[in-house]
C-alpha atoms as a PDB file:
ATOM      1  CA  UNK A   1      87.015 -24.405 177.519  1.00  0.00           C
ATOM      2  CA  UNK A   2      87.172 -25.528 181.115  1.00  0.00           C
ATOM      3  CA  UNK A   3      89.952 -28.021 181.771  1.00  0.00           C
ATOM      4  CA  UNK A   4      87.509 -30.772 182.742  1.00  0.00           C
ATOM      5  CA  UNK A   5      84.500 -32.028 180.817  1.00  0.00           C
ATOM      6  CA  UNK A   6      82.773 -32.785 184.116  1.00  0.00           C
ATOM      7  CA  UNK A   7      82.391 -30.322 187.000  1.00  0.00           C
ATOM      8  CA  UNK A   8      85.331 -30.843 189.374  1.00  0.00           C
ATOM      9  CA  UNK A   9      86.658 -29.086 192.454  1.00  0.00           C
ATOM     10  CA  UNK A  10      89.934 -27.188 192.420  1.00  0.00           C
ATOM     11  CA  UNK A  11      93.017 -29.147 193.443  1.00  0.00           C
ATOM     12  CA  UNK A  12      96.617 -28.567 194.339  1.00  0.00           C
ATOM     13  CA  UNK A  13      99.554 -30.930 194.877  1.00  0.00           C
ATOM     14  CA  UNK A  14     101.023 -31.180 198.357  1.00  0.00           C
ATOM     15  CA  UNK A  15     103.921 -28.908 199.315  1.00  0.00           C
ATOM     16  CA  UNK A  16     106.579 -31.639 198.886  1.00  0.00           C
ATOM     17  CA  UNK A  17     105.450 -32.717 195.448  1.00  0.00           C
ATOM     18  CA  UNK A  18     108.162 -33.363 192.878  1.00  0.00           C
ATOM     19  CA  UNK A  19     106.409 -30.988 190.491  1.00  0.00           C
ATOM     20  CA  UNK A  20     103.884 -28.729 192.150  1.00  0.00           C
ATOM     21  CA  UNK A  21     100.752 -28.048 190.143  1.00  0.00           C
ATOM     22  CA  UNK A  22      97.186 -26.991 190.622  1.00  0.00           C
ATOM     23  CA  UNK A  23      93.938 -26.491 188.776  1.00  0.00           C
ATOM     24  CA  UNK A  24      91.087 -24.105 189.467  1.00  0.00           C
ATOM     25  CA  UNK A  25      87.585 -25.477 189.906  1.00  0.00           C
ATOM     26  CA  UNK A  26      86.018 -26.514 186.605  1.00  0.00           C
ATOM     27  CA  UNK A  27      82.336 -25.923 185.914  1.00  0.00           C
ATOM     28  CA  UNK A  28      82.506 -28.591 183.196  1.00  0.00           C
ATOM     29  CA  UNK A  29      81.673 -28.174 179.547  1.00  0.00           C
ATOM     30  CA  UNK A  30      78.342 -26.780 178.481  1.00  0.00           C
ATOM     31  CA  UNK A  31      76.190 -29.181 176.411  1.00  0.00           C
ATOM     32  CA  UNK A  32      76.949 -27.426 173.106  1.00  0.00           C
ATOM     33  CA  UNK A  33      80.704 -27.632 173.652  1.00  0.00           C
ATOM     34  CA  UNK A  34      80.470 -31.254 174.764  1.00  0.00           C
ATOM     35  CA  UNK A  35      78.453 -32.102 171.627  1.00  0.00           C
ATOM     36  CA  UNK A  36      80.966 -30.327 169.373  1.00  0.00           C
ATOM     37  CA  UNK A  37      83.933 -32.084 171.003  1.00  0.00           C
ATOM     38  CA  UNK A  38      82.156 -35.442 170.625  1.00  0.00           C
ATOM     39  CA  UNK A  39      81.444 -34.664 166.941  1.00  0.00           C
ATOM     40  CA  UNK A  40      85.058 -33.690 166.289  1.00  0.00           C
ATOM     41  CA  UNK A  41      86.437 -36.768 168.061  1.00  0.00           C
ATOM     42  CA  UNK A  42      84.098 -39.024 166.075  1.00  0.00           C
ATOM     43  CA  UNK A  43      85.279 -37.345 162.850  1.00  0.00           C
ATOM     44  CA  UNK A  44      88.893 -37.801 163.920  1.00  0.00           C
ATOM     45  CA  UNK A  45      88.322 -41.540 164.465  1.00  0.00           C
ATOM     46  CA  UNK A  46      86.538 -41.805 161.114  1.00  0.00           C
ATOM     47  CA  UNK A  47      89.400 -40.099 159.265  1.00  0.00           C
ATOM     48  CA  UNK A  48      92.076 -42.086 161.105  1.00  0.00           C
ATOM     49  CA  UNK A  49      90.307 -45.314 160.184  1.00  0.00           C
ATOM     50  CA  UNK A  50      90.051 -44.215 156.549  1.00  0.00           C
ATOM     51  CA  UNK A  51      93.762 -43.415 156.430  1.00  0.00           C
ATOM     52  CA  UNK A  52      94.991 -46.565 158.167  1.00  0.00           C
ATOM     53  CA  UNK A  53      92.748 -48.924 156.169  1.00  0.00           C
ATOM     54  CA  UNK A  54      93.140 -47.187 152.781  1.00  0.00           C
ATOM     55  CA  UNK A  55      94.046 -49.558 149.918  1.00  0.00           C
ATOM     56  CA  UNK A  56      97.143 -47.424 149.222  1.00  0.00           C
ATOM     57  CA  UNK A  57      98.962 -49.191 152.062  1.00  0.00           C
ATOM     58  CA  UNK A  58      98.531 -52.578 150.376  1.00  0.00           C
ATOM     59  CA  UNK A  59     101.147 -51.422 147.832  1.00  0.00           C
ATOM     60  CA  UNK A  60     103.818 -51.840 150.500  1.00  0.00           C
ATOM     61  CA  UNK A  61     105.304 -54.895 152.139  1.00  0.00           C
ATOM     62  CA  UNK A  62     104.288 -55.077 155.792  1.00  0.00           C
ATOM     63  CA  UNK A  63     107.835 -54.220 156.873  1.00  0.00           C
ATOM     64  CA  UNK A  64     107.801 -51.043 154.735  1.00  0.00           C
ATOM     65  CA  UNK A  65     104.463 -49.565 155.827  1.00  0.00           C
ATOM     66  CA  UNK A  66     105.915 -47.672 158.794  1.00  0.00           C
ATOM     67  CA  UNK A  67     108.596 -46.023 156.657  1.00  0.00           C
ATOM     68  CA  UNK A  68     105.990 -45.095 154.024  1.00  0.00           C
ATOM     69  CA  UNK A  69     103.672 -43.573 156.643  1.00  0.00           C
ATOM     70  CA  UNK A  70     106.553 -41.632 158.143  1.00  0.00           C
ATOM     71  CA  UNK A  71     107.518 -40.315 154.697  1.00  0.00           C
ATOM     72  CA  UNK A  72     103.919 -39.242 154.090  1.00  0.00           C
ATOM     73  CA  UNK A  73     103.770 -37.579 157.499  1.00  0.00           C
ATOM     74  CA  UNK A  74     106.828 -35.457 156.676  1.00  0.00           C
ATOM     75  CA  UNK A  75     106.023 -34.867 152.990  1.00  0.00           C
ATOM     76  CA  UNK A  76     104.974 -31.256 153.561  1.00  0.00           C
ATOM     77  CA  UNK A  77     108.318 -30.490 155.196  1.00  0.00           C
ATOM     78  CA  UNK A  78     110.144 -31.682 152.081  1.00  0.00           C
ATOM     79  CA  UNK A  79     107.835 -29.626 149.861  1.00  0.00           C
ATOM     80  CA  UNK A  80     108.501 -26.498 151.912  1.00  0.00           C
ATOM     81  CA  UNK A  81     112.264 -27.110 151.779  1.00  0.00           C
ATOM     82  CA  UNK A  82     112.127 -27.591 148.002  1.00  0.00           C
ATOM     83  CA  UNK A  83     110.051 -24.443 147.545  1.00  0.00           C
ATOM     84  CA  UNK A  84     112.484 -22.301 149.545  1.00  0.00           C
ATOM     85  CA  UNK A  85     115.551 -23.446 147.582  1.00  0.00           C
END
């Protein structure tokens, strides 16, 4: 995939830049790729909304939701550790 969705010229930071960087010219995404990226981003938003608004979270006090989400996020790590021991 080109680095830019839209066609853009190449660029380069000036010689005294703190962190020199550059990018080649980008032809932009072709319509099929742009459509697929849009579809995937829409699906990501849909799933994120479903997770954040799921009734499961109502089982927790507001102050405990963050800790519960963090535990869920790292659940697979604990499973892998348990399986290897």
